[in-house]
Amino acid sequence: MENTAHLDESRDPLIIAEGWMKDGREVAVATVVETWGSAPRPVGSHLVIDSEGNFQGSVSGGCVEGAVIAEAADVIETGKPRMLEFGVADETAWRVGLSCGGRIRVYVERLG
């Protein structure tokens, strides 16, 4: 019988972030903190990003990850957290592909 807890841990973005930090990487975490309407990922979803642009997890099923990763690079560099919002009325959302009829708010912070 497979150890499913081990499989889940190997995919958990927060556990991955912890490992990256132990390896000496600078890391940011993006967390979905609010959704309205049709949102691709639920509140509490995480995306972890290191200073090299490696990432694990998801905050939007892929449609705003690129923009969040770019913002995370600035957060890692400055140490200043950011609140990002993407929605169908937002020109940025159309550019990144969030046209599903919902909005998401994502909090990005540096860890460590």
Protein backbone atom coordinates (compact mmCIF):
# COMPACT_ATOMS: atom_id res chain seq x y z
CA MET A 1 0.00 0.00 0.00
CA GLU A 2 1.36 3.42 -0.96
CA ASN A 3 2.08 6.05 1.66
CA THR A 4 -0.26 8.79 0.39
CA ALA A 5 0.78 11.20 3.15
CA HIS A 6 4.32 11.09 1.77
CA LEU A 7 3.04 11.77 -1.76
CA ASP A 8 0.98 14.72 -0.54
CA GLU A 9 3.93 16.17 1.39
CA SER A 10 6.17 15.91 -1.67
CA ARG A 11 3.71 18.16 -3.54
CA ASP A 12 2.80 20.58 -0.72
CA PRO A 13 4.12 24.03 -1.75
CA LEU A 14 4.74 25.08 1.86
CA ILE A 15 6.82 21.99 2.60
CA ILE A 16 8.70 22.57 -0.65
CA ALA A 17 9.32 26.21 0.38
CA GLU A 18 10.70 25.03 3.71
CA GLY A 19 13.10 22.70 1.92
CA TRP A 20 14.20 25.44 -0.47
CA MET A 21 14.91 27.75 2.48
CA LYS A 22 16.97 25.02 4.18
CA ASP A 23 18.95 24.81 0.92
CA GLY A 24 19.72 28.54 1.25
CA ARG A 25 17.30 29.79 -1.41
CA GLU A 26 15.41 33.08 -1.08
CA VAL A 27 11.69 32.25 -1.24
CA ALA A 28 8.35 34.02 -1.53
CA VAL A 29 4.90 32.54 -1.07
CA ALA A 30 1.76 33.70 -2.84
CA THR A 31 -1.54 32.83 -1.16
CA VAL A 32 -5.09 33.18 -2.50
CA VAL A 33 -6.75 35.26 0.23
CA GLU A 34 -10.07 36.12 -1.41
CA THR A 35 -12.16 35.05 -4.41
CA TRP A 36 -15.35 36.30 -6.04
CA GLY A 37 -17.44 34.53 -8.64
CA SER A 38 -15.84 31.77 -10.66
CA ALA A 39 -12.29 31.43 -9.34
CA PRO A 40 -9.94 28.70 -10.58
CA ARG A 41 -8.33 27.97 -7.17
CA PRO A 42 -9.84 28.21 -3.66
CA VAL A 43 -8.82 30.53 -0.83
CA GLY A 44 -5.72 29.13 0.84
CA SER A 45 -4.07 27.91 -2.37
CA HIS A 46 -0.31 28.53 -2.47
CA LEU A 47 2.36 29.18 -5.05
CA VAL A 48 5.98 29.26 -3.85
CA ILE A 49 8.68 31.01 -5.87
CA ASP A 50 12.44 31.22 -5.40
CA SER A 51 14.77 34.01 -6.52
CA GLU A 52 15.75 32.01 -9.63
CA GLY A 53 12.12 31.89 -10.82
CA ASN A 54 11.50 28.25 -9.89
CA PHE A 55 7.96 27.71 -8.63
CA GLN A 56 5.65 25.06 -7.23
CA GLY A 57 1.92 25.10 -6.59
CA SER A 58 -0.82 27.24 -8.11
CA VAL A 59 -2.96 30.25 -7.31
CA SER A 60 -4.98 30.32 -10.51
CA GLY A 61 -4.79 27.10 -12.43
CA GLY A 62 -2.14 28.75 -14.61
CA CYS A 63 -3.85 31.91 -15.82
CA VAL A 64 -2.09 34.49 -13.60
CA GLU A 65 0.96 32.54 -12.41
CA GLY A 66 3.34 34.46 -14.72
CA ALA A 67 2.28 37.83 -13.31
CA VAL A 68 2.45 36.54 -9.71
CA ILE A 69 5.94 35.08 -10.29
CA ALA A 70 7.14 38.42 -11.67
CA GLU A 71 5.74 40.28 -8.64
CA ALA A 72 7.29 37.70 -6.31
CA ALA A 73 10.75 38.50 -7.71
CA ASP A 74 10.29 42.11 -6.53
CA VAL A 75 8.95 40.95 -3.16
CA ILE A 76 12.01 38.72 -2.66
CA GLU A 77 14.33 41.60 -3.59
CA THR A 78 12.67 44.33 -1.49
CA GLY A 79 11.16 42.28 1.34
CA LYS A 80 7.94 44.29 0.97
CA PRO A 81 4.78 42.15 0.67
CA ARG A 82 2.16 42.94 -1.98
CA MET A 83 -1.55 42.36 -2.41
CA LEU A 84 -2.44 41.57 -6.02
CA GLU A 85 -5.92 41.46 -7.50
CA PHE A 86 -6.96 39.95 -10.80
CA GLY A 87 -10.45 40.02 -12.28
CA VAL A 88 -12.39 40.21 -15.52
CA ALA A 89 -12.81 43.99 -15.27
CA ASP A 90 -9.04 44.37 -14.87
CA GLU A 91 -7.08 44.85 -18.10
CA THR A 92 -4.22 42.86 -16.53
CA ALA A 93 -6.55 39.90 -16.04
CA TRP A 94 -7.42 39.78 -19.74
CA ARG A 95 -3.73 39.99 -20.62
CA VAL A 96 -2.88 37.03 -18.35
CA GLY A 97 -5.96 35.02 -19.33
CA LEU A 98 -8.29 35.34 -16.32
CA SER A 99 -11.50 35.70 -18.28
CA CYS A 100 -13.49 33.08 -16.37
CA GLY A 101 -15.86 35.59 -14.79
CA GLY A 102 -14.23 35.70 -11.37
CA ARG A 103 -11.72 37.71 -9.41
CA ILE A 104 -8.95 36.63 -7.09
CA ARG A 105 -6.84 38.46 -4.53
CA VAL A 106 -3.35 37.08 -3.91
CA TYR A 107 -1.00 38.08 -1.07
CA VAL A 108 2.71 37.71 -1.86
CA GLU A 109 5.31 37.74 0.93
CA ARG A 110 8.95 36.81 1.36
CA LEU A 111 9.67 33.97 3.76
CA GLY A 112 12.50 33.95 6.27
